[in-house]
Protein backbone atom coordinates (compact mmCIF):
# COMPACT_ATOMS: atom_id res chain seq x y z
CA MET A 1 -2.38 -24.86 13.68
CA THR A 2 -4.31 -21.94 12.20
CA SER A 3 -2.31 -21.89 9.12
CA VAL A 4 -2.73 -25.51 8.37
CA ALA A 5 -6.59 -25.23 8.89
CA LEU A 6 -6.64 -22.20 6.67
CA CYS A 7 -4.80 -23.94 3.95
CA ALA A 8 -6.95 -26.93 4.28
CA TRP A 9 -10.36 -25.17 4.13
CA LEU A 10 -9.49 -22.34 1.88
CA GLY A 11 -7.84 -24.52 -0.68
CA GLY A 12 -5.89 -23.42 -3.83
CA ALA A 13 -5.60 -19.85 -4.97
CA ASP A 14 -8.38 -20.00 -7.51
CA ARG A 15 -11.20 -21.29 -5.09
CA PHE A 16 -12.30 -17.72 -4.20
CA SER A 17 -12.50 -14.91 -6.63
CA SER A 18 -12.18 -12.31 -3.74
CA SER A 19 -11.11 -12.20 -0.11
CA ARG A 20 -14.48 -11.04 0.64
CA LYS A 21 -15.87 -14.29 -0.56
CA ALA A 22 -13.35 -16.29 1.60
CA VAL A 23 -14.56 -14.23 4.64
CA ARG A 24 -18.17 -15.11 3.90
CA PHE A 25 -17.14 -18.79 3.49
CA THR A 26 -15.60 -18.79 7.03
CA GLY A 27 -18.90 -17.27 8.57
CA LEU A 28 -17.14 -14.24 9.87
CA ASP A 29 -19.14 -11.81 7.57
CA ILE A 30 -21.84 -9.48 9.10
CA THR A 31 -25.45 -10.10 7.93
CA VAL A 32 -27.90 -7.20 7.97
CA HIS A 33 -31.62 -7.51 7.80
CA CYS A 34 -33.44 -4.27 6.69
CA SER A 35 -37.16 -3.78 6.67
CA ASP A 36 -38.43 -0.27 5.56
CA SER A 37 -36.44 2.23 7.70
CA LYS A 38 -35.61 -0.13 10.51
CA ARG A 39 -32.41 -1.90 10.56
CA SER A 40 -31.34 -4.45 13.11
CA PRO A 41 -27.74 -4.76 14.17
CA GLY A 42 -25.44 -7.02 12.19
CA ARG A 43 -24.63 -10.38 13.36
CA LEU A 44 -22.24 -13.10 12.46
CA SER A 45 -23.60 -15.26 9.53
CA ARG A 46 -21.90 -18.52 11.35
CA GLN A 47 -21.89 -20.41 8.18
CA GLY A 48 -19.00 -22.55 7.29
CA PRO A 49 -16.61 -24.51 9.49
CA GLN A 50 -17.06 -23.78 13.28
CA VAL A 51 -13.60 -25.04 14.17
CA LEU A 52 -12.01 -22.54 11.65
CA ARG A 53 -13.91 -19.66 13.04
CA TRP A 54 -12.98 -20.62 16.55
CA LEU A 55 -9.24 -20.92 15.35
CA LEU A 56 -9.29 -17.59 13.72
CA PHE A 57 -10.84 -15.91 16.62
CA GLU A 58 -8.23 -17.38 19.06
CA ALA A 59 -5.38 -16.26 16.59
CA ALA A 60 -7.00 -12.78 16.50
CA LYS A 61 -7.08 -12.62 20.27
CA THR A 62 -3.36 -12.96 20.26
CA SER A 63 -3.21 -9.49 18.73
CA ALA A 64 -4.19 -7.99 21.98
CA ARG A 65 -0.43 -8.39 22.99
CA GLY A 66 1.61 -5.50 22.47
CA CYS A 67 4.32 -7.47 20.51
CA ALA A 68 1.73 -8.91 18.09
CA PRO A 69 2.10 -7.87 14.42
CA GLY A 70 -1.61 -6.64 14.15
CA HIS A 71 -1.69 -5.00 17.57
CA THR A 72 -2.00 -1.45 16.29
CA TYR A 73 -5.16 -2.31 14.20
CA TYR A 74 -6.55 -4.37 17.04
CA ALA A 75 -6.03 -1.46 19.49
CA GLU A 76 -7.76 1.01 17.20
CA VAL A 77 -10.77 -1.02 16.67
CA LYS A 78 -10.92 -1.91 20.36
CA GLN A 79 -10.72 1.79 21.40
CA ARG A 80 -13.75 2.29 18.99
CA TYR A 81 -15.77 -0.52 19.96
CA ASP A 82 -14.76 -3.40 22.26
CA ALA A 83 -12.37 -6.42 22.55
CA ASN A 84 -14.75 -8.87 20.92
CA ARG A 85 -15.48 -6.83 17.83
CA ALA A 86 -11.70 -5.93 17.61
CA ALA A 87 -10.94 -9.80 17.58
CA LEU A 88 -13.69 -10.43 14.94
CA SER A 89 -12.27 -7.76 12.66
CA GLN A 90 -8.81 -9.00 13.28
CA ALA A 91 -10.03 -12.58 12.31
CA ARG A 92 -11.38 -11.33 9.15
CA ARG A 93 -8.19 -9.47 8.30
CA ILE A 94 -6.36 -12.65 8.85
CA VAL A 95 -8.48 -14.49 6.26
CA ARG A 96 -8.10 -11.72 3.90
CA HIS A 97 -4.35 -11.86 4.22
CA ALA A 98 -4.30 -15.57 3.79
CA VAL A 99 -6.32 -15.40 0.54
CA HIS A 100 -3.88 -12.79 -0.86
CA ILE A 101 -0.85 -14.73 0.17
CA LEU A 102 -2.30 -17.94 -1.40
CA ALA A 103 -3.27 -16.06 -4.64
CA ASP A 104 0.37 -14.62 -4.91
CA LEU A 105 2.02 -17.98 -4.28
CA GLY A 106 -0.45 -19.72 -6.74
CA ASP A 107 0.21 -23.45 -7.12
CA ASP A 108 3.58 -23.09 -5.41
CA ALA A 109 1.75 -22.55 -2.20
CA PHE A 110 1.49 -26.42 -1.85
CA THR A 111 4.58 -27.37 -3.24
CA ILE A 112 6.98 -29.50 -1.02
CA ILE A 113 10.42 -28.19 -0.87
CA ALA A 114 13.06 -30.66 0.15
CA GLN A 115 14.92 -29.33 3.10
CA PRO A 116 18.61 -30.28 3.76
CA ALA A 117 19.03 -32.65 6.73
CA ALA A 118 20.18 -30.82 9.85
CA PRO A 119 23.58 -31.83 11.17
CA THR A 120 23.51 -33.97 14.23
CA THR A 121 25.69 -33.25 16.85
CA ILE A 122 26.31 -35.63 19.95
CA ALA A 123 26.92 -34.02 23.24
CA ARG A 124 29.61 -35.61 25.39
């Protein structure tokens, strides 16, 4: 579900010039407001599709499992901060990886490849 949503919202490989811009589009980037020597803590910009942010956060939460591909990164960030920040960081990482994969595939990312029909067997 998340991969389909990412492909639909991120579009083709040439839509974003960098993965940082794609993260900004999803609303998972951190905004910082500075005034003189005071700096408020960063917050999510929350711009972009809310459903995509939710899907990415849920996909990132699966990294908490020990068998997940990004578990080591998730565990490192969780140890430094907390579970929510680790999940948000992992969600941003998923977007960056998706943009790089789409860029590597180029126009072939949306090419439909005909699959051979699966043999049917009838159980008796």
